Amino acid sequence: MAADDSDAAAALPASATLARENFALKEQNLELKETLSMLREMFVENAKLRTDNVALEAMVADQKEIAASLSRLKDDLSREMVDLKNELTSSRSGAVQSSSANDL
């Protein structure tokens, strides 16, 4: 029985070591699960951000197109304004010449 007692005594430290290792592995497993969970959340958030980014890029493209259209419209209006001023000047000049001719 002494041999059985010494085997049991030797088994206790080995059992305690295994229990500590098992506990450490369980803690590490829990940490890894938490990390995996965070990574999954980050993956989902990243997918949402990519979708938002695509939408924002489309909006920027639309705004650039609108800005270009507004710029062309401004140029057209500026040319129209110059034409109208020229017409008005010509009209006034013709009216002055006409009234001068009538005065004679």
C-alpha atoms as a PDB file:
ATOM      1  CA  MET A   1       0.000   0.000   0.000  1.00  0.00           C
ATOM      2  CA  ALA A   2       2.927   2.297   0.447  1.00  0.00           C
ATOM      3  CA  ALA A   3       3.433   2.200  -3.279  1.00  0.00           C
ATOM      4  CA  ASP A   4      -0.200   3.158  -3.773  1.00  0.00           C
ATOM      5  CA  ASP A   5       0.189   6.047  -1.324  1.00  0.00           C
ATOM      6  CA  SER A   6       3.306   7.340  -3.085  1.00  0.00           C
ATOM      7  CA  ASP A   7       1.575   7.055  -6.461  1.00  0.00           C
ATOM      8  CA  ALA A   8      -1.367   8.994  -5.071  1.00  0.00           C
ATOM      9  CA  ALA A   9       0.962  11.609  -3.573  1.00  0.00           C
ATOM     10  CA  ALA A  10       2.731  12.000  -6.906  1.00  0.00           C
ATOM     11  CA  ALA A  11      -0.579  12.206  -8.699  1.00  0.00           C
ATOM     12  CA  LEU A  12      -1.779  15.102  -6.516  1.00  0.00           C
ATOM     13  CA  PRO A  13       0.857  17.609  -7.686  1.00  0.00           C
ATOM     14  CA  ALA A  14       0.396  16.466 -11.260  1.00  0.00           C
ATOM     15  CA  SER A  15      -3.363  16.802 -10.874  1.00  0.00           C
ATOM     16  CA  ALA A  16      -2.979  20.275  -9.372  1.00  0.00           C
ATOM     17  CA  THR A  17      -0.691  21.304 -12.236  1.00  0.00           C
ATOM     18  CA  LEU A  18      -3.184  20.026 -14.766  1.00  0.00           C
ATOM     19  CA  ALA A  19      -5.990  21.843 -12.982  1.00  0.00           C
ATOM     20  CA  ARG A  20      -3.996  25.125 -13.097  1.00  0.00           C
ATOM     21  CA  GLU A  21      -3.191  24.585 -16.777  1.00  0.00           C
ATOM     22  CA  ASN A  22      -6.813  23.763 -17.494  1.00  0.00           C
ATOM     23  CA  PHE A  23      -7.950  26.920 -15.686  1.00  0.00           C
ATOM     24  CA  ALA A  24      -5.389  29.034 -17.581  1.00  0.00           C
ATOM     25  CA  LEU A  25      -6.530  27.533 -20.878  1.00  0.00           C
ATOM     26  CA  LYS A  26     -10.167  28.232 -20.022  1.00  0.00           C
ATOM     27  CA  GLU A  27      -9.287  31.864 -19.257  1.00  0.00           C
ATOM     28  CA  GLN A  28      -7.343  32.128 -22.501  1.00  0.00           C
ATOM     29  CA  ASN A  29     -10.274  30.561 -24.376  1.00  0.00           C
ATOM     30  CA  LEU A  30     -12.645  33.115 -22.846  1.00  0.00           C
ATOM     31  CA  GLU A  31     -10.329  35.978 -23.841  1.00  0.00           C
ATOM     32  CA  LEU A  32     -10.105  34.589 -27.369  1.00  0.00           C
ATOM     33  CA  LYS A  33     -13.890  34.342 -27.576  1.00  0.00           C
ATOM     34  CA  GLU A  34     -14.193  37.970 -26.435  1.00  0.00           C
ATOM     35  CA  THR A  35     -11.603  39.012 -29.014  1.00  0.00           C
ATOM     36  CA  LEU A  36     -13.450  37.075 -31.718  1.00  0.00           C
ATOM     37  CA  SER A  37     -16.697  38.747 -30.706  1.00  0.00           C
ATOM     38  CA  MET A  38     -15.064  42.184 -30.908  1.00  0.00           C
ATOM     39  CA  LEU A  39     -13.593  41.338 -34.311  1.00  0.00           C
ATOM     40  CA  ARG A  40     -17.020  40.263 -35.575  1.00  0.00           C
ATOM     41  CA  GLU A  41     -18.512  43.544 -34.368  1.00  0.00           C
ATOM     42  CA  MET A  42     -15.694  45.439 -36.035  1.00  0.00           C
ATOM     43  CA  PHE A  43     -16.262  43.492 -39.252  1.00  0.00           C
ATOM     44  CA  VAL A  44     -19.956  44.432 -39.236  1.00  0.00           C
ATOM     45  CA  GLU A  45     -19.113  48.077 -38.476  1.00  0.00           C
ATOM     46  CA  ASN A  46     -16.526  48.072 -41.259  1.00  0.00           C
ATOM     47  CA  ALA A  47     -19.119  46.752 -43.721  1.00  0.00           C
ATOM     48  CA  LYS A  48     -21.523  49.520 -42.668  1.00  0.00           C
ATOM     49  CA  LEU A  49     -18.786  52.133 -43.093  1.00  0.00           C
ATOM     50  CA  ARG A  50     -17.950  50.812 -46.549  1.00  0.00           C
ATOM     51  CA  THR A  51     -21.613  51.074 -47.536  1.00  0.00           C
ATOM     52  CA  ASP A  52     -21.770  54.612 -46.134  1.00  0.00           C
ATOM     53  CA  ASN A  53     -18.571  55.479 -47.986  1.00  0.00           C
ATOM     54  CA  VAL A  54     -20.015  54.317 -51.305  1.00  0.00           C
ATOM     55  CA  ALA A  55     -23.126  56.407 -50.684  1.00  0.00           C
ATOM     56  CA  LEU A  56     -21.025  59.445 -49.773  1.00  0.00           C
ATOM     57  CA  GLU A  57     -18.889  59.045 -52.886  1.00  0.00           C
ATOM     58  CA  ALA A  58     -22.068  59.007 -54.984  1.00  0.00           C
ATOM     59  CA  MET A  59     -23.289  62.151 -53.224  1.00  0.00           C
ATOM     60  CA  VAL A  60     -19.957  63.889 -53.852  1.00  0.00           C
ATOM     61  CA  ALA A  61     -20.154  62.965 -57.534  1.00  0.00           C
ATOM     62  CA  ASP A  62     -23.701  64.371 -57.697  1.00  0.00           C
ATOM     63  CA  GLN A  63     -22.588  67.578 -55.974  1.00  0.00           C
ATOM     64  CA  LYS A  64     -19.700  67.984 -58.414  1.00  0.00           C
ATOM     65  CA  GLU A  65     -22.114  67.546 -61.295  1.00  0.00           C
ATOM     66  CA  ILE A  66     -24.485  70.114 -59.783  1.00  0.00           C
ATOM     67  CA  ALA A  67     -21.605  72.535 -59.215  1.00  0.00           C
ATOM     68  CA  ALA A  68     -20.519  72.169 -62.844  1.00  0.00           C
ATOM     69  CA  SER A  69     -24.094  72.781 -64.029  1.00  0.00           C
ATOM     70  CA  LEU A  70     -24.378  75.855 -61.822  1.00  0.00           C
ATOM     71  CA  SER A  71     -21.084  77.163 -63.151  1.00  0.00           C
ATOM     72  CA  ARG A  72     -22.283  76.739 -66.753  1.00  0.00           C
ATOM     73  CA  LEU A  73     -25.569  78.433 -65.862  1.00  0.00           C
ATOM     74  CA  LYS A  74     -23.706  81.334 -64.259  1.00  0.00           C
ATOM     75  CA  ASP A  75     -21.580  81.728 -67.398  1.00  0.00           C
ATOM     76  CA  ASP A  76     -24.704  81.661 -69.580  1.00  0.00           C
ATOM     77  CA  LEU A  77     -26.401  84.265 -67.394  1.00  0.00           C
ATOM     78  CA  SER A  78     -23.316  86.476 -67.447  1.00  0.00           C
ATOM     79  CA  ARG A  79     -23.240  86.369 -71.255  1.00  0.00           C
ATOM     80  CA  GLU A  80     -26.974  87.094 -71.393  1.00  0.00           C
ATOM     81  CA  MET A  81     -26.487  90.047 -69.045  1.00  0.00           C
ATOM     82  CA  VAL A  82     -23.737  91.474 -71.259  1.00  0.00           C
ATOM     83  CA  ASP A  83     -25.962  91.039 -74.331  1.00  0.00           C
ATOM     84  CA  LEU A  84     -28.866  92.783 -72.595  1.00  0.00           C
ATOM     85  CA  LYS A  85     -26.625  95.685 -71.507  1.00  0.00           C
ATOM     86  CA  ASN A  86     -25.348  96.014 -75.070  1.00  0.00           C
ATOM     87  CA  GLU A  87     -28.917  96.032 -76.398  1.00  0.00           C
ATOM     88  CA  LEU A  88     -29.934  98.637 -73.850  1.00  0.00           C
ATOM     89  CA  THR A  89     -26.943 100.814 -74.711  1.00  0.00           C
ATOM     90  CA  SER A  90     -27.686 100.482 -78.425  1.00  0.00           C
ATOM     91  CA  SER A  91     -31.336 101.242 -77.793  1.00  0.00           C
ATOM     92  CA  ARG A  92     -30.537 104.375 -75.798  1.00  0.00           C
ATOM     93  CA  SER A  93     -28.006 105.479 -78.357  1.00  0.00           C
ATOM     94  CA  GLY A  94     -30.550 105.036 -81.163  1.00  0.00           C
ATOM     95  CA  ALA A  95     -33.189 106.917 -79.178  1.00  0.00           C
ATOM     96  CA  VAL A  96     -30.789 109.820 -78.581  1.00  0.00           C
ATOM     97  CA  GLN A  97     -29.909 109.978 -82.283  1.00  0.00           C
ATOM     98  CA  SER A  98     -33.585 109.816 -83.207  1.00  0.00           C
ATOM     99  CA  SER A  99     -34.543 112.652 -80.859  1.00  0.00           C
ATOM    100  CA  SER A 100     -31.595 114.758 -82.114  1.00  0.00           C
ATOM    101  CA  ALA A 101     -32.808 114.278 -85.672  1.00  0.00           C
ATOM    102  CA  ASN A 102     -36.323 115.340 -84.638  1.00  0.00           C
ATOM    103  CA  ASP A 103     -34.972 118.473 -83.000  1.00  0.00           C
ATOM    104  CA  LEU A 104     -33.540 119.636 -86.315  1.00  0.00           C
END
